[in-house]
Amino acid sequence: MSSRLLASALACLLLLPWSARGFDQHEFPTVEQESLFRELAAELRCLVCQNQNIADSNAELAQDLRREISQMIRSGDNKDQIIEFMVARYGEFVLYKPRLSASTIALWAGPLAFFALGLWGLVRIVRSGTQKPAAIDDEALERARKLLDDSSSQSNQNG
């Protein structure tokens, strides 16, 4: 009897993702509209979850955004119009791939700048390790020997 119960529980767990998705289905008259809906849902960020797109999020805001996109597609809006509406309403953060603009230049140039800085530091380290030691002139060498001799003779007198 327990194996039947375990099998039933396992079947319920396996079917749970499909049953949860059934409540938020969006049907479109054309395949192109459905494709556009899926594309936009994958490109727009859930503002509640922040690390998920609205296609994968179960947050209420994501559901609202999916409904809004669905209505806009049915009313004839194209991808650019829908994205402009979402950016105007929620800001650039709603886009998973932010556009290049004055406000996002640091976001796009930052990784490149850090890479260039790291490369520059690596080159400096490698170059400093391959440089020959500075040549010591004879006069400096003689002064160093004299200092060593003086300090060793003082230590012999004290010891």
Protein backbone atom coordinates (compact mmCIF):
# COMPACT_ATOMS: atom_id res chain seq x y z
CA MET A 1 0.00 0.00 0.00
CA SER A 2 2.82 2.42 0.79
CA SER A 3 4.36 1.96 -2.68
CA ARG A 4 1.06 3.07 -4.26
CA LEU A 5 0.98 6.11 -2.03
CA LEU A 6 4.58 6.93 -2.91
CA ALA A 7 3.89 6.49 -6.63
CA SER A 8 0.82 8.77 -6.40
CA ALA A 9 2.78 11.44 -4.55
CA LEU A 10 5.57 11.26 -7.11
CA ALA A 11 3.10 11.56 -9.99
CA CYS A 12 1.53 14.64 -8.36
CA LEU A 13 4.94 16.25 -7.94
CA LEU A 14 5.85 15.56 -11.56
CA LEU A 15 2.59 17.04 -12.85
CA LEU A 16 2.70 20.12 -10.59
CA PRO A 17 4.66 22.38 -13.01
CA TRP A 18 2.18 21.74 -15.82
CA SER A 19 -0.82 22.36 -13.60
CA ALA A 20 0.63 25.64 -12.33
CA ARG A 21 1.26 26.90 -15.88
CA GLY A 22 -2.32 26.11 -16.87
CA PHE A 23 -3.71 29.12 -15.01
CA ASP A 24 -1.67 31.66 -16.98
CA GLN A 25 -2.19 30.55 -20.58
CA HIS A 26 -2.33 33.16 -23.31
CA GLU A 27 -3.86 32.12 -26.61
CA PHE A 28 -3.31 34.09 -29.77
CA PRO A 29 -4.96 33.91 -33.18
CA THR A 30 -1.61 33.58 -35.00
CA VAL A 31 1.63 31.75 -34.40
CA GLU A 32 3.55 35.02 -34.94
CA GLN A 33 1.71 36.70 -32.06
CA GLU A 34 2.38 33.75 -29.77
CA SER A 35 6.04 33.80 -30.77
CA LEU A 36 6.22 37.54 -30.07
CA PHE A 37 4.62 37.01 -26.66
CA ARG A 38 7.16 34.34 -25.73
CA GLU A 39 10.05 36.47 -27.00
CA LEU A 40 8.96 39.51 -25.00
CA ALA A 41 8.26 37.47 -21.86
CA ALA A 42 11.81 36.12 -22.07
CA GLU A 43 13.37 39.56 -22.67
CA LEU A 44 11.61 41.46 -19.87
CA ARG A 45 12.79 41.22 -16.27
CA CYS A 46 10.48 40.52 -13.37
CA LEU A 47 10.78 43.61 -11.21
CA VAL A 48 9.92 41.66 -8.07
CA CYS A 49 12.27 38.71 -8.55
CA GLN A 50 14.93 40.72 -10.44
CA ASN A 51 16.86 37.62 -11.50
CA GLN A 52 14.06 36.04 -13.52
CA ASN A 53 12.30 37.03 -16.67
CA ILE A 54 8.53 37.44 -16.55
CA ALA A 55 8.06 34.16 -18.39
CA ASP A 56 9.60 32.20 -15.51
CA SER A 57 8.33 34.26 -12.59
CA ASN A 58 5.19 33.44 -10.61
CA ALA A 59 5.05 36.88 -8.96
CA GLU A 60 1.77 38.78 -9.30
CA LEU A 61 3.50 41.64 -11.09
CA ALA A 62 4.95 39.22 -13.64
CA GLN A 63 1.48 37.79 -14.24
CA ASP A 64 0.13 41.32 -14.69
CA LEU A 65 2.91 42.15 -17.13
CA ARG A 66 2.21 38.98 -19.13
CA ARG A 67 -1.49 39.93 -19.30
CA GLU A 68 -0.57 43.48 -20.36
CA ILE A 69 1.75 42.20 -23.10
CA SER A 70 -0.90 39.76 -24.26
CA GLN A 71 -3.49 42.54 -24.55
CA MET A 72 -1.06 44.83 -26.36
CA ILE A 73 -0.19 42.10 -28.87
CA ARG A 74 -3.88 41.37 -29.50
CA SER A 75 -4.53 45.08 -30.03
CA GLY A 76 -1.85 45.15 -32.74
CA ASP A 77 1.16 46.70 -31.00
CA ASN A 78 4.54 45.55 -32.29
CA LYS A 79 7.63 44.57 -30.29
CA ASP A 80 9.17 48.05 -30.28
CA GLN A 81 5.96 49.68 -29.11
CA ILE A 82 5.55 47.19 -26.27
CA ILE A 83 9.17 47.56 -25.15
CA GLU A 84 8.90 51.37 -25.25
CA PHE A 85 5.74 51.19 -23.14
CA MET A 86 7.43 48.93 -20.57
CA VAL A 87 10.57 51.09 -20.40
CA ALA A 88 8.49 54.27 -20.06
CA ARG A 89 6.52 52.69 -17.25
CA TYR A 90 9.23 50.75 -15.37
CA GLY A 91 12.56 52.15 -16.59
CA GLU A 92 15.51 50.51 -18.36
CA PHE A 93 15.82 47.97 -15.55
CA VAL A 94 12.88 46.03 -16.99
CA LEU A 95 15.09 45.02 -19.94
CA TYR A 96 17.42 42.05 -19.51
CA LYS A 97 19.62 43.51 -22.26
CA PRO A 98 19.67 47.25 -21.58
CA ARG A 99 20.13 49.53 -24.55
CA LEU A 100 23.32 51.54 -25.00
CA SER A 101 22.59 55.07 -23.79
CA ALA A 102 24.17 57.75 -21.64
CA SER A 103 22.67 56.22 -18.50
CA THR A 104 23.87 52.68 -19.29
CA ILE A 105 27.32 53.42 -20.74
CA ALA A 106 29.03 52.40 -17.48
CA LEU A 107 27.13 49.13 -17.52
CA TRP A 108 28.39 48.34 -21.01
CA ALA A 109 31.90 49.80 -20.69
CA GLY A 110 32.55 48.66 -17.11
CA PRO A 111 33.55 45.07 -17.88
CA LEU A 112 35.78 46.22 -20.72
CA ALA A 113 37.44 48.83 -18.47
CA PHE A 114 38.06 46.24 -15.72
CA PHE A 115 39.52 43.83 -18.27
CA ALA A 116 41.84 46.53 -19.66
CA LEU A 117 42.91 47.53 -16.14
CA GLY A 118 43.65 43.91 -15.22
CA LEU A 119 45.58 43.38 -18.43
CA TRP A 120 47.62 46.55 -17.81
CA GLY A 121 48.42 45.37 -14.25
CA LEU A 122 49.43 41.93 -15.51
CA VAL A 123 51.76 43.45 -18.12
CA ARG A 124 53.37 45.64 -15.45
CA ILE A 125 53.92 42.66 -13.15
CA VAL A 126 55.43 40.56 -15.92
CA ARG A 127 57.67 43.40 -17.09
CA SER A 128 58.93 44.16 -13.57
CA GLY A 129 59.86 40.50 -13.09
CA THR A 130 61.87 40.32 -16.31
CA GLN A 131 63.92 43.50 -15.80
CA LYS A 132 67.61 43.07 -15.04
CA PRO A 133 68.73 44.27 -11.66
CA ALA A 134 70.37 47.67 -11.66
CA ALA A 135 74.13 47.57 -12.04
CA ILE A 136 76.07 48.55 -8.93
CA ASP A 137 79.06 50.71 -9.56
CA ASP A 138 82.39 49.89 -7.96
CA GLU A 139 82.29 52.88 -5.62
CA ALA A 140 78.96 51.88 -4.10
CA LEU A 141 80.17 48.31 -3.71
CA GLU A 142 83.29 49.47 -1.89
CA ARG A 143 81.22 51.63 0.50
CA ALA A 144 78.93 48.66 1.26
CA ARG A 145 81.95 46.43 2.03
CA LYS A 146 83.44 49.08 4.28
CA LEU A 147 80.16 49.40 6.20
CA LEU A 148 79.97 45.65 6.63
CA ASP A 149 83.58 45.45 7.78
CA ASP A 150 83.03 48.31 10.25
CA SER A 151 79.88 46.74 11.68
CA SER A 152 81.52 43.31 12.04
CA SER A 153 84.57 44.76 13.78
CA GLN A 154 82.30 46.65 16.21
CA SER A 155 80.37 43.50 17.00
CA ASN A 156 83.63 41.62 17.65
CA GLN A 157 84.78 44.30 20.07
CA ASN A 158 81.43 44.25 21.93
CA GLY A 159 81.11 40.49 22.00
